[in-house]
Amino acid sequence: MMGDMTMGSLFDGIGGFPLAAARYGIQTIWASEIEPFPMEVTKRRFPSMAHKGDITKLSGKLLFPVDIICGGSPCQDLSVAGARAGLAGARSGLFMEQIRIIKEMRTAEQERGRTGAGIRPRFMAWENVPGAFSSGSPKGEDFRIVLEEILRIHCGGASVPRSFPYSWHDAGEIEIDSFFSLAWRCLDAQYWGVGQRRKRIYLVADFAGNIAPKFLFDVLEELFPDRPDKPEKGTILI
């Protein structure tokens, strides 16, 4: 299945997501990035990948449809090392552009007559700092908004309950029906071949099935059974 899939990369940087995708036969069709040096890197490494520029100027209806849209939206306003403006900040607030583009592309696909699992993108991947778990007021509100905005791509009127006064689990999933799944997991780079302690949230959404938790939990456990970073998982029932 993965060998036939295509991807679009937002906030592309030096092409981390496209590199990982290429190793599993997934072709990245286009990318959005505005910094000159990272773009020069990816132009050399992925010469067939189209560069679309500023995310705020893109239309999901006009972009070439892909199976996956990924992106690690800017983390500065979510990080515990920053001023913690959260999703209201000019940089981390660009996450909402990622949501907009996915909605626009899926709407355009439906207008073309596609249905069910044929609507693209079927999958979304998002990466960010663990500070997202505690950012916002009340504490953790920004991560709740992230979950809710993704859920609303599938079900417009849905809402995600607050975790406050409790903390978000380092891993979790949302159950709603057999046609949508979302899962997240905090992974530490020191256990994945990188010589430093560097935790990041990885979130996957499947807008037409239950693959998201299977991928982040079952598949990773099967491929890497001895990894020590196995967090406690929480489940949100909608």
C-alpha atoms as a PDB file:
ATOM      1  CA  MET A   1       0.000   0.000   0.000  1.00  0.00           C
ATOM      2  CA  MET A   2       2.682   2.525   1.005  1.00  0.00           C
ATOM      3  CA  GLY A   3       4.613   2.105  -2.236  1.00  0.00           C
ATOM      4  CA  ASP A   4       1.701   3.539  -4.211  1.00  0.00           C
ATOM      5  CA  MET A   5       1.111   6.514  -1.910  1.00  0.00           C
ATOM      6  CA  THR A   6       1.868  10.192  -2.446  1.00  0.00           C
ATOM      7  CA  MET A   7       2.538  12.992   0.026  1.00  0.00           C
ATOM      8  CA  GLY A   8       2.576  16.763   0.366  1.00  0.00           C
ATOM      9  CA  SER A   9       4.938  18.306   2.932  1.00  0.00           C
ATOM     10  CA  LEU A  10       4.094  21.553   4.736  1.00  0.00           C
ATOM     11  CA  PHE A  11       6.688  23.467   6.801  1.00  0.00           C
ATOM     12  CA  ASP A  12       9.103  21.221   4.921  1.00  0.00           C
ATOM     13  CA  GLY A  13      12.434  22.453   6.276  1.00  0.00           C
ATOM     14  CA  ILE A  14      15.244  20.264   4.909  1.00  0.00           C
ATOM     15  CA  GLY A  15      12.830  17.486   3.984  1.00  0.00           C
ATOM     16  CA  GLY A  16      12.712  15.250   7.062  1.00  0.00           C
ATOM     17  CA  PHE A  17       9.252  13.907   6.268  1.00  0.00           C
ATOM     18  CA  PRO A  18      10.022  13.347   2.548  1.00  0.00           C
ATOM     19  CA  LEU A  19      13.222  11.473   3.473  1.00  0.00           C
ATOM     20  CA  ALA A  20      11.357   9.121   5.804  1.00  0.00           C
ATOM     21  CA  ALA A  21       8.587   8.681   3.241  1.00  0.00           C
ATOM     22  CA  ALA A  22      11.038   7.863   0.440  1.00  0.00           C
ATOM     23  CA  ARG A  23      12.500   5.027   2.488  1.00  0.00           C
ATOM     24  CA  TYR A  24       9.088   3.344   2.379  1.00  0.00           C
ATOM     25  CA  GLY A  25       8.345   4.079  -1.258  1.00  0.00           C
ATOM     26  CA  ILE A  26       6.076   7.082  -0.665  1.00  0.00           C
ATOM     27  CA  GLN A  27       6.624   9.862  -3.205  1.00  0.00           C
ATOM     28  CA  THR A  28       6.476  13.482  -2.057  1.00  0.00           C
ATOM     29  CA  ILE A  29       4.817  15.430  -4.873  1.00  0.00           C
ATOM     30  CA  TRP A  30       5.092  18.956  -3.489  1.00  0.00           C
ATOM     31  CA  ALA A  31       6.359  20.901  -0.495  1.00  0.00           C
ATOM     32  CA  SER A  32       5.816  24.272   1.145  1.00  0.00           C
ATOM     33  CA  GLU A  33       8.796  26.141   2.597  1.00  0.00           C
ATOM     34  CA  ILE A  34       9.979  29.772   2.529  1.00  0.00           C
ATOM     35  CA  GLU A  35      13.560  29.622   3.862  1.00  0.00           C
ATOM     36  CA  PRO A  36      16.118  29.669   1.017  1.00  0.00           C
ATOM     37  CA  PHE A  37      18.776  27.337   2.445  1.00  0.00           C
ATOM     38  CA  PRO A  38      16.452  24.428   3.338  1.00  0.00           C
ATOM     39  CA  MET A  39      14.860  24.746  -0.101  1.00  0.00           C
ATOM     40  CA  GLU A  40      18.275  24.425  -1.760  1.00  0.00           C
ATOM     41  CA  VAL A  41      18.864  21.227   0.227  1.00  0.00           C
ATOM     42  CA  THR A  42      15.593  19.637  -0.826  1.00  0.00           C
ATOM     43  CA  LYS A  43      15.950  20.761  -4.445  1.00  0.00           C
ATOM     44  CA  ARG A  44      19.162  18.754  -4.572  1.00  0.00           C
ATOM     45  CA  ARG A  45      17.857  15.745  -2.609  1.00  0.00           C
ATOM     46  CA  PHE A  46      14.373  15.618  -4.153  1.00  0.00           C
ATOM     47  CA  PRO A  47      14.689  17.161  -7.638  1.00  0.00           C
ATOM     48  CA  SER A  48      11.226  16.006  -8.740  1.00  0.00           C
ATOM     49  CA  MET A  49       9.458  17.593  -5.746  1.00  0.00           C
ATOM     50  CA  ALA A  50       7.598  20.811  -6.632  1.00  0.00           C
ATOM     51  CA  HIS A  51       8.152  23.829  -4.350  1.00  0.00           C
ATOM     52  CA  LYS A  52       4.965  25.757  -3.615  1.00  0.00           C
ATOM     53  CA  GLY A  53       6.276  28.473  -1.296  1.00  0.00           C
ATOM     54  CA  ASP A  54       4.390  30.327   1.446  1.00  0.00           C
ATOM     55  CA  ILE A  55       1.698  28.171   3.084  1.00  0.00           C
ATOM     56  CA  THR A  56      -0.547  31.196   3.651  1.00  0.00           C
ATOM     57  CA  LYS A  57      -0.784  31.714  -0.116  1.00  0.00           C
ATOM     58  CA  LEU A  58      -1.664  28.100  -1.014  1.00  0.00           C
ATOM     59  CA  SER A  59      -5.095  26.761  -1.893  1.00  0.00           C
ATOM     60  CA  GLY A  60      -5.906  23.151  -1.106  1.00  0.00           C
ATOM     61  CA  LYS A  61      -8.276  23.119  -4.074  1.00  0.00           C
ATOM     62  CA  LEU A  62      -5.450  23.972  -6.465  1.00  0.00           C
ATOM     63  CA  LEU A  63      -2.706  21.754  -5.056  1.00  0.00           C
ATOM     64  CA  PHE A  64      -2.175  18.351  -6.674  1.00  0.00           C
ATOM     65  CA  PRO A  65      -4.173  15.894  -4.495  1.00  0.00           C
ATOM     66  CA  VAL A  66      -2.035  13.574  -2.328  1.00  0.00           C
ATOM     67  CA  ASP A  67      -2.736  10.681   0.044  1.00  0.00           C
ATOM     68  CA  ILE A  68      -0.872  12.212   2.989  1.00  0.00           C
ATOM     69  CA  ILE A  69      -0.346  15.792   4.115  1.00  0.00           C
ATOM     70  CA  CYS A  70       2.359  16.136   6.751  1.00  0.00           C
ATOM     71  CA  GLY A  71       3.860  19.036   8.611  1.00  0.00           C
ATOM     72  CA  GLY A  72       5.643  20.097  11.750  1.00  0.00           C
ATOM     73  CA  SER A  73       4.140  23.546  12.231  1.00  0.00           C
ATOM     74  CA  PRO A  74       6.470  26.104  13.910  1.00  0.00           C
ATOM     75  CA  CYS A  75       7.001  25.231  17.565  1.00  0.00           C
ATOM     76  CA  GLN A  76       8.398  28.491  18.983  1.00  0.00           C
ATOM     77  CA  ASP A  77       5.127  29.678  20.545  1.00  0.00           C
ATOM     78  CA  LEU A  78       4.424  26.244  22.077  1.00  0.00           C
ATOM     79  CA  SER A  79       7.885  25.502  23.441  1.00  0.00           C
ATOM     80  CA  VAL A  80       8.556  25.805  27.180  1.00  0.00           C
ATOM     81  CA  ALA A  81      11.690  27.756  26.167  1.00  0.00           C
ATOM     82  CA  GLY A  82       9.672  30.509  24.495  1.00  0.00           C
ATOM     83  CA  ALA A  83       7.183  33.196  25.491  1.00  0.00           C
ATOM     84  CA  ARG A  84       4.362  30.607  25.215  1.00  0.00           C
ATOM     85  CA  ALA A  85       1.994  32.588  23.019  1.00  0.00           C
ATOM     86  CA  GLY A  86       0.594  29.209  21.952  1.00  0.00           C
ATOM     87  CA  LEU A  87      -1.641  28.796  18.944  1.00  0.00           C
ATOM     88  CA  ALA A  88      -2.448  32.500  19.202  1.00  0.00           C
ATOM     89  CA  GLY A  89       1.165  33.224  18.257  1.00  0.00           C
ATOM     90  CA  ALA A  90       2.059  34.237  14.711  1.00  0.00           C
ATOM     91  CA  ARG A  91       4.313  31.211  14.180  1.00  0.00           C
ATOM     92  CA  SER A  92       2.657  28.255  15.907  1.00  0.00           C
ATOM     93  CA  GLY A  93      -0.729  29.576  14.802  1.00  0.00           C
ATOM     94  CA  LEU A  94       0.250  28.508  11.274  1.00  0.00           C
ATOM     95  CA  PHE A  95      -1.017  25.071  12.301  1.00  0.00           C
ATOM     96  CA  MET A  96      -4.450  26.381  11.296  1.00  0.00           C
ATOM     97  CA  GLU A  97      -3.173  26.845   7.737  1.00  0.00           C
ATOM     98  CA  GLN A  98      -2.395  23.139   7.655  1.00  0.00           C
ATOM     99  CA  ILE A  99      -5.975  22.392   8.725  1.00  0.00           C
ATOM    100  CA  ARG A 100      -7.343  24.816   6.117  1.00  0.00           C
ATOM    101  CA  ILE A 101      -5.419  23.228   3.252  1.00  0.00           C
ATOM    102  CA  ILE A 102      -6.524  19.708   4.210  1.00  0.00           C
ATOM    103  CA  LYS A 103     -10.155  20.810   4.391  1.00  0.00           C
ATOM    104  CA  GLU A 104      -9.952  22.583   1.038  1.00  0.00           C
ATOM    105  CA  MET A 105      -8.369  19.607  -0.700  1.00  0.00           C
ATOM    106  CA  ARG A 106     -10.883  17.145   0.724  1.00  0.00           C
ATOM    107  CA  THR A 107     -13.788  19.421  -0.243  1.00  0.00           C
ATOM    108  CA  ALA A 108     -12.445  19.685  -3.782  1.00  0.00           C
ATOM    109  CA  GLU A 109     -12.111  15.896  -3.947  1.00  0.00           C
ATOM    110  CA  GLN A 110     -15.737  15.447  -2.902  1.00  0.00           C
ATOM    111  CA  GLU A 111     -16.797  17.945  -5.557  1.00  0.00           C
ATOM    112  CA  ARG A 112     -14.964  15.773  -8.098  1.00  0.00           C
ATOM    113  CA  GLY A 113     -17.122  12.830  -7.031  1.00  0.00           C
ATOM    114  CA  ARG A 114     -14.695  10.971  -4.794  1.00  0.00           C
ATOM    115  CA  THR A 115     -16.128   9.253  -1.715  1.00  0.00           C
ATOM    116  CA  GLY A 116     -14.986   7.360   1.390  1.00  0.00           C
ATOM    117  CA  ALA A 117     -11.363   6.234   1.433  1.00  0.00           C
ATOM    118  CA  GLY A 118     -10.893   7.734  -2.045  1.00  0.00           C
ATOM    119  CA  ILE A 119     -11.040  11.308  -0.739  1.00  0.00           C
ATOM    120  CA  ARG A 120      -7.547  12.783  -0.491  1.00  0.00           C
ATOM    121  CA  PRO A 121      -5.728  13.367   1.717  1.00  0.00           C
ATOM    122  CA  ARG A 122      -6.769  10.293   3.658  1.00  0.00           C
ATOM    123  CA  PHE A 123      -3.968  10.745   6.198  1.00  0.00           C
ATOM    124  CA  MET A 124      -2.491  13.638   8.148  1.00  0.00           C
ATOM    125  CA  ALA A 125       0.769  13.633  10.107  1.00  0.00           C
ATOM    126  CA  TRP A 126       1.798  16.370  12.546  1.00  0.00           C
ATOM    127  CA  GLU A 127       4.961  16.774  14.609  1.00  0.00           C
ATOM    128  CA  ASN A 128       5.694  19.225  17.416  1.00  0.00           C
ATOM    129  CA  VAL A 129       7.311  19.826  20.793  1.00  0.00           C
ATOM    130  CA  PRO A 130       5.954  18.307  24.047  1.00  0.00           C
ATOM    131  CA  GLY A 131       5.317  21.866  25.222  1.00  0.00           C
ATOM    132  CA  ALA A 132       2.093  21.633  23.206  1.00  0.00           C
ATOM    133  CA  PHE A 133       0.724  19.416  25.976  1.00  0.00           C
ATOM    134  CA  SER A 134       0.865  22.292  28.495  1.00  0.00           C
ATOM    135  CA  SER A 135       0.488  25.397  26.320  1.00  0.00           C
ATOM    136  CA  GLY A 136      -2.645  27.542  26.489  1.00  0.00           C
ATOM    137  CA  SER A 137      -5.121  28.567  29.172  1.00  0.00           C
ATOM    138  CA  PRO A 138      -6.330  26.554  30.942  1.00  0.00           C
ATOM    139  CA  LYS A 139      -3.184  24.448  30.861  1.00  0.00           C
ATOM    140  CA  GLY A 140      -3.175  22.144  27.847  1.00  0.00           C
ATOM    141  CA  GLU A 141      -5.865  24.021  25.931  1.00  0.00           C
ATOM    142  CA  ASP A 142      -3.747  24.358  22.785  1.00  0.00           C
ATOM    143  CA  PHE A 143      -3.342  20.599  22.382  1.00  0.00           C
ATOM    144  CA  ARG A 144      -7.071  20.180  22.892  1.00  0.00           C
ATOM    145  CA  ILE A 145      -7.622  22.649  20.042  1.00  0.00           C
ATOM    146  CA  VAL A 146      -5.185  20.706  17.833  1.00  0.00           C
ATOM    147  CA  LEU A 147      -7.133  17.495  18.438  1.00  0.00           C
ATOM    148  CA  GLU A 148     -10.488  19.178  17.953  1.00  0.00           C
ATOM    149  CA  GLU A 149      -9.540  20.927  14.704  1.00  0.00           C
ATOM    150  CA  ILE A 150      -8.312  17.650  13.216  1.00  0.00           C
ATOM    151  CA  LEU A 151     -11.416  15.799  14.405  1.00  0.00           C
ATOM    152  CA  ARG A 152     -13.637  18.458  12.823  1.00  0.00           C
ATOM    153  CA  ILE A 153     -12.158  17.727   9.406  1.00  0.00           C
ATOM    154  CA  HIS A 154     -14.069  14.440   9.704  1.00  0.00           C
ATOM    155  CA  CYS A 155     -17.000  15.584  11.816  1.00  0.00           C
ATOM    156  CA  GLY A 156     -17.649  19.321  11.767  1.00  0.00           C
ATOM    157  CA  GLY A 157     -19.670  19.578  14.971  1.00  0.00           C
ATOM    158  CA  ALA A 158     -17.475  17.374  17.178  1.00  0.00           C
ATOM    159  CA  SER A 159     -15.680  18.636  20.276  1.00  0.00           C
ATOM    160  CA  VAL A 160     -12.829  17.333  22.409  1.00  0.00           C
ATOM    161  CA  PRO A 161     -13.116  17.630  26.211  1.00  0.00           C
ATOM    162  CA  ARG A 162     -10.487  19.493  28.211  1.00  0.00           C
ATOM    163  CA  SER A 163      -7.861  17.558  30.110  1.00  0.00           C
ATOM    164  CA  PHE A 164      -7.483  20.271  32.793  1.00  0.00           C
ATOM    165  CA  PRO A 165      -6.792  19.918  35.725  1.00  0.00           C
ATOM    166  CA  TYR A 166      -5.105  16.727  34.532  1.00  0.00           C
ATOM    167  CA  SER A 167      -2.202  16.541  32.095  1.00  0.00           C
ATOM    168  CA  TRP A 168      -2.355  15.085  28.621  1.00  0.00           C
ATOM    169  CA  HIS A 169      -0.919  11.582  28.368  1.00  0.00           C
ATOM    170  CA  ASP A 170       2.296  11.193  26.384  1.00  0.00           C
ATOM    171  CA  ALA A 171       0.325   8.911  24.070  1.00  0.00           C
ATOM    172  CA  GLY A 172      -3.327   8.593  23.261  1.00  0.00           C
ATOM    173  CA  GLU A 173      -6.032   8.091  20.692  1.00  0.00           C
ATOM    174  CA  ILE A 174      -9.502   9.303  19.814  1.00  0.00           C
ATOM    175  CA  GLU A 175     -12.256   6.822  19.123  1.00  0.00           C
ATOM    176  CA  ILE A 176     -15.327   8.033  17.255  1.00  0.00           C
ATOM    177  CA  ASP A 177     -16.375   5.437  14.644  1.00  0.00           C
ATOM    178  CA  SER A 178     -14.888   2.989  12.151  1.00  0.00           C
ATOM    179  CA  PHE A 179     -14.332   5.806   9.643  1.00  0.00           C
ATOM    180  CA  PHE A 180     -11.954   8.007  11.650  1.00  0.00           C
ATOM    181  CA  SER A 181      -9.014   7.511  13.969  1.00  0.00           C
ATOM    182  CA  LEU A 182      -6.401   9.763  15.514  1.00  0.00           C
ATOM    183  CA  ALA A 183      -3.420   8.841  17.647  1.00  0.00           C
ATOM    184  CA  TRP A 184      -0.432  10.639  19.110  1.00  0.00           C
ATOM    185  CA  ARG A 185       2.751   9.493  20.783  1.00  0.00           C
ATOM    186  CA  CYS A 186       5.721  11.312  22.296  1.00  0.00           C
ATOM    187  CA  LEU A 187       8.988   9.753  21.135  1.00  0.00           C
ATOM    188  CA  ASP A 188      12.524  10.508  22.349  1.00  0.00           C
ATOM    189  CA  ALA A 189      15.214  10.734  19.659  1.00  0.00           C
ATOM    190  CA  GLN A 190      17.861   9.184  21.944  1.00  0.00           C
ATOM    191  CA  TYR A 191      16.148   5.808  21.485  1.00  0.00           C
ATOM    192  CA  TRP A 192      15.940   6.130  17.700  1.00  0.00           C
ATOM    193  CA  GLY A 193      19.570   6.485  16.647  1.00  0.00           C
ATOM    194  CA  VAL A 194      20.195  10.147  17.530  1.00  0.00           C
ATOM    195  CA  GLY A 195      22.873  11.077  20.059  1.00  0.00           C
ATOM    196  CA  GLN A 196      20.759  13.457  22.129  1.00  0.00           C
ATOM    197  CA  ARG A 197      17.637  13.556  24.285  1.00  0.00           C
ATOM    198  CA  ARG A 198      15.017  15.218  22.057  1.00  0.00           C
ATOM    199  CA  LYS A 199      11.340  14.508  22.649  1.00  0.00           C
ATOM    200  CA  ARG A 200       8.706  15.224  20.020  1.00  0.00           C
ATOM    201  CA  ILE A 201       4.983  14.581  19.644  1.00  0.00           C
ATOM    202  CA  TYR A 202       4.024  12.584  16.556  1.00  0.00           C
ATOM    203  CA  LEU A 203       0.352  12.595  15.604  1.00  0.00           C
ATOM    204  CA  VAL A 204      -1.351  10.632  12.841  1.00  0.00           C
ATOM    205  CA  ALA A 205      -4.968  10.949  11.674  1.00  0.00           C
ATOM    206  CA  ASP A 206      -6.819   8.581   9.342  1.00  0.00           C
ATOM    207  CA  PHE A 207      -9.933  10.193   7.869  1.00  0.00           C
ATOM    208  CA  ALA A 208     -11.346   6.931   6.514  1.00  0.00           C
ATOM    209  CA  GLY A 209     -10.398   4.127   8.892  1.00  0.00           C
ATOM    210  CA  ASN A 210      -8.662   2.923  12.057  1.00  0.00           C
ATOM    211  CA  ILE A 211      -5.042   2.816  10.868  1.00  0.00           C
ATOM    212  CA  ALA A 212      -3.731   5.717  13.008  1.00  0.00           C
ATOM    213  CA  PRO A 213      -3.424   3.913  16.391  1.00  0.00           C
ATOM    214  CA  LYS A 214      -2.363   0.681  14.702  1.00  0.00           C
ATOM    215  CA  PHE A 215       0.516   2.510  13.054  1.00  0.00           C
ATOM    216  CA  LEU A 216       1.724   4.496  16.067  1.00  0.00           C
ATOM    217  CA  PHE A 217       1.368   1.652  18.573  1.00  0.00           C
ATOM    218  CA  ASP A 218       0.994  -1.824  17.074  1.00  0.00           C
ATOM    219  CA  VAL A 219       3.349  -1.427  14.111  1.00  0.00           C
ATOM    220  CA  LEU A 220       6.046   0.409  16.080  1.00  0.00           C
ATOM    221  CA  GLU A 221       5.903  -2.194  18.857  1.00  0.00           C
ATOM    222  CA  GLU A 222       6.175  -4.990  16.320  1.00  0.00           C
ATOM    223  CA  LEU A 223       9.117  -3.402  14.497  1.00  0.00           C
ATOM    224  CA  PHE A 224      10.919  -2.122  17.606  1.00  0.00           C
ATOM    225  CA  PRO A 225       9.835  -4.273  20.598  1.00  0.00           C
ATOM    226  CA  ASP A 226      12.784  -3.340  22.836  1.00  0.00           C
ATOM    227  CA  ARG A 227      12.449   0.442  22.755  1.00  0.00           C
ATOM    228  CA  PRO A 228      12.157   1.845  26.299  1.00  0.00           C
ATOM    229  CA  ASP A 229      10.003   4.893  25.474  1.00  0.00           C
ATOM    230  CA  LYS A 230       6.604   3.242  25.833  1.00  0.00           C
ATOM    231  CA  PRO A 231       4.339   5.857  27.436  1.00  0.00           C
ATOM    232  CA  GLU A 232       1.056   5.323  29.190  1.00  0.00           C
ATOM    233  CA  LYS A 233      -1.779   5.724  26.696  1.00  0.00           C
ATOM    234  CA  GLY A 234      -5.014   7.614  27.204  1.00  0.00           C
ATOM    235  CA  THR A 235      -8.212   7.242  25.179  1.00  0.00           C
ATOM    236  CA  ILE A 236     -10.730   9.982  24.444  1.00  0.00           C
ATOM    237  CA  LEU A 237     -14.249   8.766  23.775  1.00  0.00           C
ATOM    238  CA  ILE A 238     -16.282  11.106  21.571  1.00  0.00           C
END
